[in-house]
Amino acid sequence: MDALEEIFGKTAQMTVLKNLIAHKDESTYLSGIADETGLSHSSVARVITPLIKINIVIEKPLGKQIRTFRLNLDNEKTKLILDFYNKLNKIKD
């Protein structure tokens, strides 16, 4: 368990957010996140929706049924999350 999970708990949304942080310079698919995290496709879709609504995650359609996702690195909330995450993980107990 990393420092973020110690504070906020291990939730599906936290798992998805950490996956996106780990790949912050890349776009990915729901199935890619599901495969890497062990979450179901429907769980990933459910928990990524609020992150899209608050503009932390950018959704970009590719065709009619394919969607890609990536962190919105221009969003101030995302910048704060990344800064907090990086500082928190540097702290050694």
Protein backbone atom coordinates (compact mmCIF):
# COMPACT_ATOMS: atom_id res chain seq x y z
CA MET A 1 0.00 0.00 0.00
CA ASP A 2 1.41 3.38 -0.93
CA ALA A 3 1.09 6.59 1.04
CA LEU A 4 -1.97 7.80 -0.88
CA GLU A 5 -3.87 4.60 -0.09
CA GLU A 6 -2.83 4.79 3.56
CA ILE A 7 -4.56 8.17 3.82
CA PHE A 8 -7.59 7.78 1.56
CA GLY A 9 -8.00 4.00 1.41
CA LYS A 10 -7.85 1.61 -1.51
CA THR A 11 -10.80 2.34 -3.75
CA ALA A 12 -11.47 1.66 -7.41
CA GLN A 13 -11.26 5.38 -8.17
CA MET A 14 -7.93 5.68 -6.35
CA THR A 15 -6.63 2.67 -8.28
CA VAL A 16 -7.66 4.22 -11.61
CA LEU A 17 -6.20 7.60 -10.67
CA LYS A 18 -2.88 6.02 -9.66
CA ASN A 19 -2.79 4.12 -12.97
CA LEU A 20 -3.34 7.35 -14.89
CA ILE A 21 -0.64 9.06 -12.82
CA ALA A 22 1.77 6.23 -13.61
CA HIS A 23 1.07 6.83 -17.32
CA LYS A 24 0.57 10.58 -17.12
CA ASP A 25 2.17 11.31 -20.49
CA GLU A 26 0.17 8.65 -22.35
CA SER A 27 -3.36 8.06 -23.54
CA THR A 28 -4.99 4.78 -22.65
CA TYR A 29 -8.23 2.84 -23.06
CA LEU A 30 -10.73 1.58 -20.49
CA SER A 31 -9.64 -1.96 -21.26
CA GLY A 32 -5.98 -1.02 -20.76
CA ILE A 33 -6.71 0.46 -17.35
CA ALA A 34 -8.83 -2.57 -16.46
CA ASP A 35 -6.08 -4.99 -17.52
CA GLU A 36 -3.37 -3.15 -15.59
CA THR A 37 -5.38 -2.63 -12.42
CA GLY A 38 -7.36 -5.86 -12.24
CA LEU A 39 -10.62 -3.91 -12.11
CA SER A 40 -13.53 -4.78 -14.34
CA HIS A 41 -14.22 -2.70 -17.44
CA SER A 42 -17.51 -1.52 -15.92
CA SER A 43 -15.82 -0.48 -12.65
CA VAL A 44 -13.24 1.56 -14.54
CA ALA A 45 -15.98 3.22 -16.60
CA ARG A 46 -17.97 4.00 -13.46
CA VAL A 47 -15.12 5.59 -11.48
CA ILE A 48 -13.49 7.47 -14.36
CA THR A 49 -16.71 9.36 -15.16
CA PRO A 50 -16.49 11.75 -12.17
CA LEU A 51 -12.81 12.41 -12.99
CA ILE A 52 -13.86 13.41 -16.50
CA LYS A 53 -16.65 15.65 -15.17
CA ILE A 54 -14.24 17.63 -12.99
CA ASN A 55 -11.75 17.83 -15.86
CA ILE A 56 -8.95 15.85 -14.19
CA VAL A 57 -9.19 13.29 -16.99
CA ILE A 58 -9.63 14.09 -20.66
CA GLU A 59 -11.73 11.72 -22.75
CA LYS A 60 -11.08 11.69 -26.49
CA PRO A 61 -13.23 9.57 -28.82
CA LEU A 62 -11.54 7.63 -31.60
CA GLY A 63 -14.32 6.63 -33.93
CA LYS A 64 -17.78 5.69 -32.74
CA GLN A 65 -17.00 3.23 -29.95
CA ILE A 66 -13.38 3.69 -28.95
CA ARG A 67 -12.46 6.26 -26.31
CA THR A 68 -9.05 7.20 -24.95
CA PHE A 69 -8.27 8.75 -21.59
CA ARG A 70 -5.38 10.71 -20.14
CA LEU A 71 -4.70 13.02 -17.24
CA ASN A 72 -5.42 16.66 -17.98
CA LEU A 73 -1.98 18.02 -17.15
CA ASP A 74 -3.17 21.59 -17.81
CA ASN A 75 -5.80 21.43 -15.07
CA GLU A 76 -4.83 23.09 -11.76
CA LYS A 77 -6.52 20.30 -9.74
CA THR A 78 -4.49 17.70 -11.60
CA LYS A 79 -1.29 19.65 -10.97
CA LEU A 80 -2.09 19.78 -7.25
CA ILE A 81 -2.85 16.06 -7.15
CA LEU A 82 0.42 15.23 -8.90
CA ASP A 83 2.40 17.53 -6.62
CA PHE A 84 0.75 16.08 -3.51
CA TYR A 85 1.23 12.51 -4.76
CA ASN A 86 4.91 13.06 -5.56
CA LYS A 87 5.66 14.83 -2.25
CA LEU A 88 3.75 12.24 -0.25
CA ASN A 89 5.64 9.36 -1.83
CA LYS A 90 8.99 11.04 -1.10
CA ILE A 91 8.29 11.11 2.65
CA LYS A 92 9.92 8.21 4.44
CA ASP A 93 8.58 7.17 7.85
